[in-house]
Amino acid sequence: MLSKDFKGGDIVNIFGGTEFNLSQADIKGRVTLEVTTIFGGTKLIVPSHWEVNLS
């Protein structure tokens, strides 16, 4: 993801997986990314200065 104004989104995995690399993306304010995984996996890669909250 190379977006300079990433706004969030949804990731859905069913019997599969996703690797989502946000290390080159920029955000403004708070962003929500909803992830649903059933029988698979999701790997999120974010810049080290981002604060990530799981809920």
Protein backbone atom coordinates (compact mmCIF):
# COMPACT_ATOMS: atom_id res chain seq x y z
CA MET A 1 0.00 0.00 0.00
CA LEU A 2 1.57 3.27 -1.12
CA SER A 3 -1.30 5.62 -0.23
CA LYS A 4 -0.33 9.02 1.15
CA ASP A 5 -3.78 9.37 2.76
CA PHE A 6 -4.82 5.87 3.87
CA LYS A 7 -8.35 6.00 5.29
CA GLY A 8 -8.87 2.38 6.47
CA GLY A 9 -11.01 -0.45 5.15
CA ASP A 10 -11.97 -4.10 5.54
CA ILE A 11 -10.02 -7.32 5.07
CA VAL A 12 -11.91 -10.63 4.91
CA ASN A 13 -10.15 -14.03 4.72
CA ILE A 14 -11.96 -17.36 4.50
CA PHE A 15 -9.69 -20.39 4.09
CA GLY A 16 -6.83 -18.14 3.03
CA GLY A 17 -4.57 -15.36 4.15
CA THR A 18 -3.45 -11.81 3.59
CA GLU A 19 -0.20 -9.93 4.08
CA PHE A 20 -0.99 -6.21 4.17
CA ASN A 21 2.07 -3.95 4.13
CA LEU A 22 1.38 -0.39 5.28
CA SER A 23 5.03 0.55 5.87
CA GLN A 24 4.94 3.11 3.00
CA ALA A 25 1.45 4.49 3.77
CA ASP A 26 0.64 7.74 5.57
CA ILE A 27 -2.43 8.46 7.71
CA LYS A 28 -4.05 11.60 9.01
CA GLY A 29 -5.74 11.14 12.37
CA ARG A 30 -7.34 7.89 13.48
CA VAL A 31 -7.90 5.06 10.98
CA THR A 32 -9.97 1.89 11.38
CA LEU A 33 -9.12 -1.34 9.57
CA GLU A 34 -11.60 -4.15 10.22
CA VAL A 35 -10.13 -7.64 9.79
CA THR A 36 -12.17 -10.86 9.69
CA THR A 37 -10.29 -14.15 9.37
CA ILE A 38 -11.87 -17.61 9.32
CA PHE A 39 -9.52 -20.60 8.98
CA GLY A 40 -6.66 -18.45 7.72
CA GLY A 41 -4.36 -15.68 8.81
CA THR A 42 -3.60 -12.00 8.42
CA LYS A 43 -0.23 -10.31 8.73
CA LEU A 44 -0.21 -6.52 9.09
CA ILE A 45 3.05 -4.64 8.61
CA VAL A 46 2.99 -1.06 9.93
CA PRO A 47 5.62 1.63 10.54
CA SER A 48 7.22 1.43 13.98
CA HIS A 49 5.95 4.89 14.99
CA TRP A 50 2.25 3.97 14.50
CA GLU A 51 0.17 3.20 17.57
CA VAL A 52 -1.93 0.07 16.99
CA ASN A 53 -4.93 -0.78 19.18
CA LEU A 54 -6.71 -4.12 18.92
CA SER A 55 -10.33 -4.40 19.93
